[in-house]
Amino acid sequence: MQPHLSKCFENVNKLEFEKDLKMTAMFSGEGERVPFKVSHYPEGSVEFWLTDILKEMKTTVQEQIVLSTDA
């Protein structure tokens, strides 16, 4: 799945997986690591867990934008 992420999500190069396959972060094309607020497991059909990851990406980026404006 990793080689196809950049085709599915703009500027998302890869996901970070732990040994138990828990997805904990995303990496941009420039190598920037953005940790997810909530970790996810790739369970069930790929369409379902990718939808969960898409929601998590949006939530995480929104949170990071808010945090950056509070500084």
Protein backbone atom coordinates (compact mmCIF):
# COMPACT_ATOMS: atom_id res chain seq x y z
CA MET A 1 0.00 0.00 0.00
CA GLN A 2 2.85 2.43 0.80
CA PRO A 3 3.89 3.00 -2.86
CA HIS A 4 0.34 4.07 -3.74
CA LEU A 5 -0.27 6.54 -0.90
CA SER A 6 1.01 9.55 -2.82
CA LYS A 7 -1.47 8.72 -5.58
CA CYS A 8 -4.36 8.58 -3.09
CA PHE A 9 -3.42 11.51 -0.85
CA GLU A 10 -1.66 14.67 -2.01
CA ASN A 11 1.84 15.01 -0.53
CA VAL A 12 1.47 12.01 1.80
CA ASN A 13 4.50 9.87 1.06
CA LYS A 14 4.09 7.10 3.63
CA LEU A 15 2.52 6.03 6.89
CA GLU A 16 4.38 5.02 10.02
CA PHE A 17 3.61 1.50 11.21
CA GLU A 18 4.58 -0.04 14.53
CA LYS A 19 5.47 -3.73 14.84
CA ASP A 20 1.84 -4.62 15.56
CA LEU A 21 0.81 -2.71 12.37
CA LYS A 22 -0.68 0.21 14.30
CA MET A 23 -0.52 3.34 12.11
CA THR A 24 0.80 6.22 14.20
CA ALA A 25 1.94 9.00 11.82
CA MET A 26 2.14 10.23 8.25
CA PHE A 27 5.16 11.53 6.34
CA SER A 28 5.06 14.24 3.70
CA GLY A 29 6.94 14.10 0.43
CA GLU A 30 9.59 16.29 2.08
CA GLY A 31 10.00 13.82 4.96
CA GLU A 32 8.08 15.79 7.60
CA ARG A 33 6.57 13.48 10.23
CA VAL A 34 3.12 14.36 11.55
CA PRO A 35 1.91 12.10 14.38
CA PHE A 36 -1.74 11.09 14.40
CA LYS A 37 -3.82 12.17 17.37
CA VAL A 38 -5.42 8.72 17.40
CA SER A 39 -3.66 5.59 16.12
CA HIS A 40 -5.41 3.15 13.80
CA TYR A 41 -5.06 -0.48 12.75
CA PRO A 42 -5.49 -1.61 9.13
CA GLU A 43 -8.44 -3.91 9.82
CA GLY A 44 -11.03 -5.04 7.30
CA SER A 45 -11.16 -3.92 3.69
CA VAL A 46 -8.56 -1.41 2.58
CA GLU A 47 -11.33 1.00 1.53
CA PHE A 48 -12.63 1.18 5.10
CA TRP A 49 -9.36 1.70 6.93
CA LEU A 50 -8.13 4.19 4.33
CA THR A 51 -11.31 6.18 4.94
CA ASP A 52 -10.50 6.15 8.65
CA ILE A 53 -6.94 7.31 7.88
CA LEU A 54 -8.28 10.11 5.65
CA LYS A 55 -10.48 11.36 8.52
CA GLU A 56 -7.51 11.12 10.91
CA MET A 57 -5.30 13.06 8.48
CA LYS A 58 -7.84 15.87 8.31
CA THR A 59 -8.33 15.96 12.08
CA THR A 60 -4.57 15.91 12.71
CA VAL A 61 -3.82 18.70 10.23
CA GLN A 62 -6.66 20.84 11.60
CA GLU A 63 -5.31 20.38 15.12
CA GLN A 64 -1.77 21.27 14.02
CA ILE A 65 -3.03 24.46 12.35
CA VAL A 66 -4.84 25.50 15.54
CA LEU A 67 -1.76 24.73 17.65
CA SER A 68 0.46 26.75 15.32
CA THR A 69 -1.77 29.83 15.60
CA ASP A 70 -1.82 29.68 19.41
CA ALA A 71 1.94 30.18 19.63
